[in-house]
PDB file of N, CA and C in Angstrom:
ATOM      1  N   MET A   1       7.220   7.397  12.873  1.00  0.00           N
ATOM      2  CA  MET A   1       6.309   6.267  12.968  1.00  0.00           C
ATOM      3  C   MET A   1       7.068   4.971  12.694  1.00  0.00           C
ATOM      4  N   THR A   2       6.824   3.978  13.524  1.00  0.00           N
ATOM      5  CA  THR A   2       7.448   2.685  13.305  1.00  0.00           C
ATOM      6  C   THR A   2       6.418   1.720  12.755  1.00  0.00           C
ATOM      7  N   LYS A   3       6.910   0.745  12.006  1.00  0.00           N
ATOM      8  CA  LYS A   3       6.004  -0.238  11.393  1.00  0.00           C
ATOM      9  C   LYS A   3       5.252  -1.033  12.459  1.00  0.00           C
ATOM     10  N   THR A   4       5.853  -1.198  13.651  1.00  0.00           N
ATOM     11  CA  THR A   4       5.187  -1.960  14.711  1.00  0.00           C
ATOM     12  C   THR A   4       3.981  -1.222  15.274  1.00  0.00           C
ATOM     13  N   SER A   5       3.920   0.092  15.057  1.00  0.00           N
ATOM     14  CA  SER A   5       2.776   0.856  15.566  1.00  0.00           C
ATOM     15  C   SER A   5       1.622   0.926  14.564  1.00  0.00           C
ATOM     16  N   ALA A   6       1.790   0.291  13.411  1.00  0.00           N
ATOM     17  CA  ALA A   6       0.748   0.329  12.382  1.00  0.00           C
ATOM     18  C   ALA A   6      -0.495  -0.420  12.854  1.00  0.00           C
ATOM     19  N   ILE A   7      -1.647   0.156  12.591  1.00  0.00           N
ATOM     20  CA  ILE A   7      -2.928  -0.454  12.950  1.00  0.00           C
ATOM     21  C   ILE A   7      -3.405  -1.316  11.791  1.00  0.00           C
ATOM     22  N   LEU A   8      -3.707  -2.576  12.078  1.00  0.00           N
ATOM     23  CA  LEU A   8      -4.206  -3.495  11.058  1.00  0.00           C
ATOM     24  C   LEU A   8      -5.642  -3.138  10.698  1.00  0.00           C
ATOM     25  N   VAL A   9      -5.905  -2.960   9.403  1.00  0.00           N
ATOM     26  CA  VAL A   9      -7.259  -2.686   8.922  1.00  0.00           C
ATOM     27  C   VAL A   9      -7.617  -3.720   7.862  1.00  0.00           C
ATOM     28  N   SER A  10      -8.906  -3.928   7.666  1.00  0.00           N
ATOM     29  CA  SER A  10      -9.353  -4.816   6.593  1.00  0.00           C
ATOM     30  C   SER A  10      -9.436  -4.014   5.303  1.00  0.00           C
ATOM     31  N   LYS A  11      -9.366  -4.703   4.175  1.00  0.00           N
ATOM     32  CA  LYS A  11      -9.440  -3.959   2.910  1.00  0.00           C
ATOM     33  C   LYS A  11     -10.793  -3.287   2.734  1.00  0.00           C
ATOM     34  N   GLU A  12     -11.821  -3.814   3.390  1.00  0.00           N
ATOM     35  CA  GLU A  12     -13.150  -3.199   3.320  1.00  0.00           C
ATOM     36  C   GLU A  12     -13.194  -1.843   4.026  1.00  0.00           C
ATOM     37  N   GLU A  13     -12.324  -1.635   5.001  1.00  0.00           N
ATOM     38  CA  GLU A  13     -12.280  -0.360   5.737  1.00  0.00           C
ATOM     39  C   GLU A  13     -11.558   0.750   4.972  1.00  0.00           C
ATOM     40  N   ILE A  14     -10.737   0.385   4.009  1.00  0.00           N
ATOM     41  CA  ILE A  14      -9.881   1.358   3.328  1.00  0.00           C
ATOM     42  C   ILE A  14     -10.683   2.439   2.617  1.00  0.00           C
ATOM     43  N   SER A  15     -11.809   2.082   2.028  1.00  0.00           N
ATOM     44  CA  SER A  15     -12.602   3.073   1.276  1.00  0.00           C
ATOM     45  C   SER A  15     -13.156   4.175   2.179  1.00  0.00           C
ATOM     46  N   GLU A  16     -13.175   3.937   3.484  1.00  0.00           N
ATOM     47  CA  GLU A  16     -13.693   4.932   4.425  1.00  0.00           C
ATOM     48  C   GLU A  16     -12.600   5.842   4.997  1.00  0.00           C
ATOM     49  N   LEU A  17     -11.341   5.579   4.642  1.00  0.00           N
ATOM     50  CA  LEU A  17     -10.225   6.357   5.174  1.00  0.00           C
ATOM     51  C   LEU A  17      -9.998   7.624   4.355  1.00  0.00           C
ATOM     52  N   THR A  18      -9.403   8.624   4.994  1.00  0.00           N
ATOM     53  CA  THR A  18      -9.024   9.867   4.323  1.00  0.00           C
ATOM     54  C   THR A  18      -7.502   9.896   4.226  1.00  0.00           C
ATOM     55  N   PHE A  19      -6.997  10.197   3.037  1.00  0.00           N
ATOM     56  CA  PHE A  19      -5.559  10.145   2.802  1.00  0.00           C
ATOM     57  C   PHE A  19      -4.946  11.541   2.725  1.00  0.00           C
ATOM     58  N   PRO A  20      -3.688  11.684   3.206  1.00  0.00           N
ATOM     59  CA  PRO A  20      -3.012  12.982   3.115  1.00  0.00           C
ATOM     60  C   PRO A  20      -2.729  13.350   1.658  1.00  0.00           C
ATOM     61  N   LYS A  21      -2.582  14.634   1.411  1.00  0.00           N
ATOM     62  CA  LYS A  21      -2.368  15.125   0.039  1.00  0.00           C
ATOM     63  C   LYS A  21      -0.944  14.886  -0.462  1.00  0.00           C
ATOM     64  N   GLY A  22       0.040  15.036   0.425  1.00  0.00           N
ATOM     65  CA  GLY A  22       1.435  14.919   0.011  1.00  0.00           C
ATOM     66  C   GLY A  22       1.962  13.500   0.094  1.00  0.00           C
ATOM     67  N   ASP A  23       3.150  13.300  -0.454  1.00  0.00           N
ATOM     68  CA  ASP A  23       3.799  11.992  -0.422  1.00  0.00           C
ATOM     69  C   ASP A  23       4.352  11.731   0.976  1.00  0.00           C
ATOM     70  N   VAL A  24       4.196  10.505   1.460  1.00  0.00           N
ATOM     71  CA  VAL A  24       4.682  10.147   2.795  1.00  0.00           C
ATOM     72  C   VAL A  24       6.182   9.852   2.797  1.00  0.00           C
ATOM     73  N   LEU A  25       6.774   9.682   1.622  1.00  0.00           N
ATOM     74  CA  LEU A  25       8.210   9.447   1.507  1.00  0.00           C
ATOM     75  C   LEU A  25       8.895  10.715   1.024  1.00  0.00           C
ATOM     76  N   ASP A  26      10.105  10.949   1.524  1.00  0.00           N
ATOM     77  CA  ASP A  26      10.827  12.170   1.179  1.00  0.00           C
ATOM     78  C   ASP A  26      11.809  11.994   0.021  1.00  0.00           C
ATOM     79  N   SER A  27      12.608  10.947   0.085  1.00  0.00           N
ATOM     80  CA  SER A  27      13.703  10.825  -0.880  1.00  0.00           C
ATOM     81  C   SER A  27      13.275  10.097  -2.154  1.00  0.00           C
ATOM     82  N   GLU A  28      13.963  10.435  -3.229  1.00  0.00           N
ATOM     83  CA  GLU A  28      13.692   9.784  -4.514  1.00  0.00           C
ATOM     84  C   GLU A  28      14.062   8.302  -4.461  1.00  0.00           C
ATOM     85  N   SER A  29      15.103   7.952  -3.690  1.00  0.00           N
ATOM     86  CA  SER A  29      15.494   6.542  -3.591  1.00  0.00           C
ATOM     87  C   SER A  29      14.413   5.727  -2.882  1.00  0.00           C
ATOM     88  N   GLU A  30      13.783   6.295  -1.854  1.00  0.00           N
ATOM     89  CA  GLU A  30      12.678   5.608  -1.174  1.00  0.00           C
ATOM     90  C   GLU A  30      11.485   5.441  -2.115  1.00  0.00           C
ATOM     91  N   LYS A  31      11.199   6.459  -2.892  1.00  0.00           N
ATOM     92  CA  LYS A  31      10.077   6.395  -3.839  1.00  0.00           C
ATOM     93  C   LYS A  31      10.339   5.357  -4.927  1.00  0.00           C
ATOM     94  N   SER A  32      11.587   5.271  -5.376  1.00  0.00           N
ATOM     95  CA  SER A  32      11.965   4.281  -6.382  1.00  0.00           C
ATOM     96  C   SER A  32      11.837   2.866  -5.822  1.00  0.00           C
ATOM     97  N   GLU A  33      12.281   2.674  -4.582  1.00  0.00           N
ATOM     98  CA  GLU A  33      12.160   1.368  -3.920  1.00  0.00           C
ATOM     99  C   GLU A  33      10.692   0.996  -3.757  1.00  0.00           C
ATOM    100  N   ARG A  34       9.862   1.950  -3.385  1.00  0.00           N
ATOM    101  CA  ARG A  34       8.420   1.705  -3.242  1.00  0.00           C
ATOM    102  C   ARG A  34       7.827   1.245  -4.574  1.00  0.00           C
ATOM    103  N   GLU A  35       8.200   1.907  -5.646  1.00  0.00           N
ATOM    104  CA  GLU A  35       7.694   1.538  -6.972  1.00  0.00           C
ATOM    105  C   GLU A  35       8.080   0.102  -7.321  1.00  0.00           C
ATOM    106  N   SER A  36       9.317  -0.274  -7.028  1.00  0.00           N
ATOM    107  CA  SER A  36       9.781  -1.645  -7.277  1.00  0.00           C
ATOM    108  C   SER A  36       8.997  -2.649  -6.445  1.00  0.00           C
ATOM    109  N   GLN A  37       8.769  -2.324  -5.169  1.00  0.00           N
ATOM    110  CA  GLN A  37       8.004  -3.217  -4.290  1.00  0.00           C
ATOM    111  C   GLN A  37       6.577  -3.402  -4.807  1.00  0.00           C
ATOM    112  N   ILE A  38       5.960  -2.321  -5.261  1.00  0.00           N
ATOM    113  CA  ILE A  38       4.578  -2.390  -5.754  1.00  0.00           C
ATOM    114  C   ILE A  38       4.503  -3.269  -6.999  1.00  0.00           C
ATOM    115  N   LYS A  39       5.435  -3.094  -7.929  1.00  0.00           N
ATOM    116  CA  LYS A  39       5.435  -3.910  -9.153  1.00  0.00           C
ATOM    117  C   LYS A  39       5.648  -5.383  -8.828  1.00  0.00           C
ATOM    118  N   ARG A  40       6.581  -5.653  -7.910  1.00  0.00           N
ATOM    119  CA  ARG A  40       6.841  -7.043  -7.508  1.00  0.00           C
ATOM    120  C   ARG A  40       5.605  -7.652  -6.846  1.00  0.00           C
ATOM    121  N   ALA A  41       4.942  -6.882  -5.988  1.00  0.00           N
ATOM    122  CA  ALA A  41       3.744  -7.370  -5.292  1.00  0.00           C
ATOM    123  C   ALA A  41       2.605  -7.633  -6.272  1.00  0.00           C
ATOM    124  N   MET A  42       2.464  -6.799  -7.297  1.00  0.00           N
ATOM    125  CA  MET A  42       1.417  -7.009  -8.285  1.00  0.00           C
ATOM    126  C   MET A  42       1.674  -8.296  -9.069  1.00  0.00           C
ATOM    127  N   LYS A  43       2.924  -8.539  -9.452  1.00  0.00           N
ATOM    128  CA  LYS A  43       3.256  -9.780 -10.159  1.00  0.00           C
ATOM    129  C   LYS A  43       2.950 -10.988  -9.287  1.00  0.00           C
ATOM    130  N   LEU A  44       3.298 -10.899  -8.010  1.00  0.00           N
ATOM    131  CA  LEU A  44       3.013 -11.980  -7.070  1.00  0.00           C
ATOM    132  C   LEU A  44       1.511 -12.223  -6.982  1.00  0.00           C
ATOM    133  N   GLY A  45       0.732 -11.159  -6.903  1.00  0.00           N
ATOM    134  CA  GLY A  45      -0.718 -11.280  -6.809  1.00  0.00           C
ATOM    135  C   GLY A  45      -1.339 -11.872  -8.050  1.00  0.00           C
ATOM    136  N   ASN A  46      -0.872 -11.450  -9.212  1.00  0.00           N
ATOM    137  CA  ASN A  46      -1.441 -11.936 -10.464  1.00  0.00           C
ATOM    138  C   ASN A  46      -1.011 -13.359 -10.788  1.00  0.00           C
ATOM    139  N   ASN A  47       0.212 -13.732 -10.420  1.00  0.00           N
ATOM    140  CA  ASN A  47       0.723 -15.059 -10.760  1.00  0.00           C
ATOM    141  C   ASN A  47       0.311 -16.141  -9.774  1.00  0.00           C
ATOM    142  N   SER A  48       0.304 -15.819  -8.490  1.00  0.00           N
ATOM    143  CA  SER A  48       0.049 -16.873  -7.499  1.00  0.00           C
ATOM    144  C   SER A  48      -0.946 -16.474  -6.422  1.00  0.00           C
ATOM    145  N   LYS A  49      -1.634 -15.345  -6.622  1.00  0.00           N
ATOM    146  CA  LYS A  49      -2.604 -14.838  -5.637  1.00  0.00           C
ATOM    147  C   LYS A  49      -1.949 -14.607  -4.276  1.00  0.00           C
ATOM    148  N   GLY A  50      -0.633 -14.351  -4.286  1.00  0.00           N
ATOM    149  CA  GLY A  50       0.114 -14.152  -3.050  1.00  0.00           C
ATOM    150  C   GLY A  50      -0.242 -12.856  -2.348  1.00  0.00           C
ATOM    151  N   LYS A  51      -0.352 -12.930  -1.025  1.00  0.00           N
ATOM    152  CA  LYS A  51      -0.680 -11.746  -0.224  1.00  0.00           C
ATOM    153  C   LYS A  51       0.584 -11.068   0.283  1.00  0.00           C
ATOM    154  N   VAL A  52       0.462  -9.767   0.473  1.00  0.00           N
ATOM    155  CA  VAL A  52       1.541  -8.949   1.025  1.00  0.00           C
ATOM    156  C   VAL A  52       0.963  -8.068   2.127  1.00  0.00           C
ATOM    157  N   GLN A  53       1.845  -7.484   2.918  1.00  0.00           N
ATOM    158  CA  GLN A  53       1.438  -6.464   3.888  1.00  0.00           C
ATOM    159  C   GLN A  53       1.784  -5.111   3.294  1.00  0.00           C
ATOM    160  N   ILE A  54       0.786  -4.245   3.188  1.00  0.00           N
ATOM    161  CA  ILE A  54       1.003  -2.889   2.705  1.00  0.00           C
ATOM    162  C   ILE A  54       0.948  -1.958   3.912  1.00  0.00           C
ATOM    163  N   PHE A  55       2.038  -1.228   4.143  1.00  0.00           N
ATOM    164  CA  PHE A  55       2.081  -0.222   5.202  1.00  0.00           C
ATOM    165  C   PHE A  55       1.809   1.121   4.544  1.00  0.00           C
ATOM    166  N   PHE A  56       0.752   1.788   4.981  1.00  0.00           N
ATOM    167  CA  PHE A  56       0.362   3.055   4.367  1.00  0.00           C
ATOM    168  C   PHE A  56      -0.135   4.009   5.431  1.00  0.00           C
ATOM    169  N   GLU A  57      -0.289   5.259   5.040  1.00  0.00           N
ATOM    170  CA  GLU A  57      -0.671   6.294   5.997  1.00  0.00           C
ATOM    171  C   GLU A  57      -1.965   6.965   5.566  1.00  0.00           C
ATOM    172  N   ASP A  58      -2.873   7.128   6.534  1.00  0.00           N
ATOM    173  CA  ASP A  58      -4.044   7.971   6.305  1.00  0.00           C
ATOM    174  C   ASP A  58      -3.869   9.216   7.172  1.00  0.00           C
ATOM    175  N   THR A  59      -4.869  10.066   7.232  1.00  0.00           N
ATOM    176  CA  THR A  59      -4.717  11.318   7.987  1.00  0.00           C
ATOM    177  C   THR A  59      -4.637  11.092   9.495  1.00  0.00           C
ATOM    178  N   LYS A  60      -4.942   9.875   9.951  1.00  0.00           N
ATOM    179  CA  LYS A  60      -4.893   9.589  11.391  1.00  0.00           C
ATOM    180  C   LYS A  60      -3.664   8.801  11.812  1.00  0.00           C
ATOM    181  N   GLY A  61      -2.865   8.313  10.847  1.00  0.00           N
ATOM    182  CA  GLY A  61      -1.666   7.583  11.226  1.00  0.00           C
ATOM    183  C   GLY A  61      -1.361   6.398  10.337  1.00  0.00           C
ATOM    184  N   LEU A  62      -0.418   5.580  10.791  1.00  0.00           N
ATOM    185  CA  LEU A  62       0.074   4.445  10.026  1.00  0.00           C
ATOM    186  C   LEU A  62      -0.886   3.261  10.121  1.00  0.00           C
ATOM    187  N   LYS A  63      -1.163   2.657   8.984  1.00  0.00           N
ATOM    188  CA  LYS A  63      -2.050   1.495   8.894  1.00  0.00           C
ATOM    189  C   LYS A  63      -1.324   0.393   8.135  1.00  0.00           C
ATOM    190  N   LYS A  64      -1.840  -0.832   8.255  1.00  0.00           N
ATOM    191  CA  LYS A  64      -1.357  -1.930   7.423  1.00  0.00           C
ATOM    192  C   LYS A  64      -2.534  -2.807   7.044  1.00  0.00           C
ATOM    193  N   VAL A  65      -2.414  -3.433   5.889  1.00  0.00           N
ATOM    194  CA  VAL A  65      -3.444  -4.340   5.408  1.00  0.00           C
ATOM    195  C   VAL A  65      -2.744  -5.534   4.764  1.00  0.00           C
ATOM    196  N   GLU A  66      -3.287  -6.732   4.984  1.00  0.00           N
ATOM    197  CA  GLU A  66      -2.783  -7.929   4.322  1.00  0.00           C
ATOM    198  C   GLU A  66      -3.730  -8.235   3.188  1.00  0.00           C
ATOM    199  N   THR A  67      -3.193  -8.225   1.969  1.00  0.00           N
ATOM    200  CA  THR A  67      -4.066  -8.356   0.812  1.00  0.00           C
ATOM    201  C   THR A  67      -3.261  -8.739  -0.421  1.00  0.00           C
ATOM    202  N   THR A  68      -3.965  -8.917  -1.515  1.00  0.00           N
ATOM    203  CA  THR A  68      -3.369  -9.158  -2.818  1.00  0.00           C
ATOM    204  C   THR A  68      -3.490  -7.888  -3.646  1.00  0.00           C
ATOM    205  N   ILE A  69      -2.414  -7.506  -4.302  1.00  0.00           N
ATOM    206  CA  ILE A  69      -2.461  -6.360  -5.215  1.00  0.00           C
ATOM    207  C   ILE A  69      -2.810  -6.886  -6.602  1.00  0.00           C
ATOM    208  N   TRP A  70      -3.907  -6.380  -7.160  1.00  0.00           N
ATOM    209  CA  TRP A  70      -4.386  -6.850  -8.462  1.00  0.00           C
ATOM    210  C   TRP A  70      -3.940  -5.966  -9.605  1.00  0.00           C
ATOM    211  N   GLY A  71      -3.619  -4.716  -9.324  1.00  0.00           N
ATOM    212  CA  GLY A  71      -3.210  -3.817 -10.394  1.00  0.00           C
ATOM    213  C   GLY A  71      -2.614  -2.545  -9.838  1.00  0.00           C
ATOM    214  N   VAL A  72      -2.019  -1.773 -10.742  1.00  0.00           N
ATOM    215  CA  VAL A  72      -1.393  -0.508 -10.375  1.00  0.00           C
ATOM    216  C   VAL A  72      -1.636   0.480 -11.512  1.00  0.00           C
ATOM    217  N   THR A  73      -2.006   1.702 -11.155  1.00  0.00           N
ATOM    218  CA  THR A  73      -2.077   2.783 -12.137  1.00  0.00           C
ATOM    219  C   THR A  73      -0.955   3.760 -11.812  1.00  0.00           C
ATOM    220  N   GLU A  74      -0.926   4.867 -12.487  1.00  0.00           N
ATOM    221  CA  GLU A  74       0.105   5.868 -12.225  1.00  0.00           C
ATOM    222  C   GLU A  74       0.025   6.399 -10.796  1.00  0.00           C
ATOM    223  N   LYS A  75      -1.190   6.433 -10.229  1.00  0.00           N
ATOM    224  CA  LYS A  75      -1.376   7.043  -8.909  1.00  0.00           C
ATOM    225  C   LYS A  75      -1.906   6.108  -7.830  1.00  0.00           C
ATOM    226  N   TYR A  76      -2.391   4.914  -8.199  1.00  0.00           N
ATOM    227  CA  TYR A  76      -3.083   4.076  -7.221  1.00  0.00           C
ATOM    228  C   TYR A  76      -2.650   2.620  -7.268  1.00  0.00           C
ATOM    229  N   VAL A  77      -2.694   1.982  -6.091  1.00  0.00           N
ATOM    230  CA  VAL A  77      -2.573   0.542  -5.951  1.00  0.00           C
ATOM    231  C   VAL A  77      -4.002   0.009  -5.919  1.00  0.00           C
ATOM    232  N   LEU A  78      -4.293  -0.970  -6.770  1.00  0.00           N
ATOM    233  CA  LEU A  78      -5.641  -1.518  -6.882  1.00  0.00           C
ATOM    234  C   LEU A  78      -5.731  -2.854  -6.159  1.00  0.00           C
ATOM    235  N   LEU A  79      -6.661  -2.928  -5.218  1.00  0.00           N
ATOM    236  CA  LEU A  79      -6.912  -4.157  -4.488  1.00  0.00           C
ATOM    237  C   LEU A  79      -8.210  -4.759  -5.010  1.00  0.00           C
ATOM    238  N   LYS A  80      -8.675  -5.810  -4.391  1.00  0.00           N
ATOM    239  CA  LYS A  80      -9.921  -6.455  -4.800  1.00  0.00           C
ATOM    240  C   LYS A  80     -11.123  -5.541  -4.586  1.00  0.00           C
ATOM    241  N   LYS A  81     -12.151  -5.754  -5.363  1.00  0.00           N
ATOM    242  CA  LYS A  81     -13.437  -5.052  -5.221  1.00  0.00           C
ATOM    243  C   LYS A  81     -13.295  -3.536  -5.310  1.00  0.00           C
ATOM    244  N   THR A  82     -12.548  -3.056  -6.247  1.00  0.00           N
ATOM    245  CA  THR A  82     -12.351  -1.627  -6.527  1.00  0.00           C
ATOM    246  C   THR A  82     -11.778  -0.822  -5.356  1.00  0.00           C
ATOM    247  N   THR A  83     -11.156  -1.470  -4.412  1.00  0.00           N
ATOM    248  CA  THR A  83     -10.500  -0.764  -3.310  1.00  0.00           C
ATOM    249  C   THR A  83      -9.160  -0.231  -3.807  1.00  0.00           C
ATOM    250  N   ILE A  84      -8.875   1.044  -3.505  1.00  0.00           N
ATOM    251  CA  ILE A  84      -7.626   1.651  -3.950  1.00  0.00           C
ATOM    252  C   ILE A  84      -6.906   2.337  -2.791  1.00  0.00           C
ATOM    253  N   ILE A  85      -5.574   2.366  -2.909  1.00  0.00           N
ATOM    254  CA  ILE A  85      -4.731   3.118  -1.973  1.00  0.00           C
ATOM    255  C   ILE A  85      -3.850   4.026  -2.831  1.00  0.00           C
ATOM    256  N   PRO A  86      -3.822   5.320  -2.548  1.00  0.00           N
ATOM    257  CA  PRO A  86      -2.928   6.203  -3.303  1.00  0.00           C
ATOM    258  C   PRO A  86      -1.466   5.786  -3.097  1.00  0.00           C
ATOM    259  N   ILE A  87      -0.723   5.674  -4.182  1.00  0.00           N
ATOM    260  CA  ILE A  87       0.685   5.285  -4.084  1.00  0.00           C
ATOM    261  C   ILE A  87       1.447   6.240  -3.180  1.00  0.00           C
ATOM    262  N   ARG A  88       1.130   7.520  -3.222  1.00  0.00           N
ATOM    263  CA  ARG A  88       1.848   8.524  -2.418  1.00  0.00           C
ATOM    264  C   ARG A  88       1.722   8.260  -0.919  1.00  0.00           C
ATOM    265  N   CYS A  89       0.755   7.423  -0.514  1.00  0.00           N
ATOM    266  CA  CYS A  89       0.517   7.137   0.905  1.00  0.00           C
ATOM    267  C   CYS A  89       1.144   5.825   1.362  1.00  0.00           C
ATOM    268  N   VAL A  90       1.745   5.073   0.437  1.00  0.00           N
ATOM    269  CA  VAL A  90       2.358   3.787   0.773  1.00  0.00           C
ATOM    270  C   VAL A  90       3.778   4.014   1.283  1.00  0.00           C
ATOM    271  N   HIS A  91       4.047   3.471   2.478  1.00  0.00           N
ATOM    272  CA  HIS A  91       5.397   3.532   3.048  1.00  0.00           C
ATOM    273  C   HIS A  91       6.243   2.369   2.559  1.00  0.00           C
ATOM    274  N   GLU A  92       5.657   1.170   2.593  1.00  0.00           N
ATOM    275  CA  GLU A  92       6.447  -0.034   2.336  1.00  0.00           C
ATOM    276  C   GLU A  92       5.517  -1.208   2.080  1.00  0.00           C
ATOM    277  N   ILE A  93       6.052  -2.199   1.369  1.00  0.00           N
ATOM    278  CA  ILE A  93       5.336  -3.456   1.172  1.00  0.00           C
ATOM    279  C   ILE A  93       6.230  -4.570   1.683  1.00  0.00           C
ATOM    280  N   LYS A  94       5.665  -5.425   2.533  1.00  0.00           N
ATOM    281  CA  LYS A  94       6.405  -6.570   3.084  1.00  0.00           C
ATOM    282  C   LYS A  94       5.877  -7.841   2.440  1.00  0.00           C
ATOM    283  N   PHE A  95       6.810  -8.711   2.063  1.00  0.00           N
ATOM    284  CA  PHE A  95       6.468  -9.977   1.431  1.00  0.00           C
ATOM    285  C   PHE A  95       6.603 -11.100   2.447  1.00  0.00           C
ATOM    286  N   HIS A  96       5.725 -12.088   2.367  1.00  0.00           N
ATOM    287  CA  HIS A  96       5.761 -13.222   3.312  1.00  0.00           C
ATOM    288  C   HIS A  96       6.718 -14.279   2.830  1.00  0.00           C
TER     289      HIS A  96
END
């Protein structure tokens, strides 16, 4: 899957998506990079309300959303209005 094939969704649509059970990333280095990107994006969101593009996967394919990350738990990325994305489903975060 390429990032250019990602389907843009609104954050309101995310709660209706079904997510795969396993991690979408294979290597530990990719998972470590993802964790760093998520932490950086959360700081950006909390400090300046900055938006990022989150590339993630549901059971139907690659999606992307432009949003602010408000928080992170051990397993989830927290967006506005209690919307969550499982960390295991995040491919990458792009900063503007």
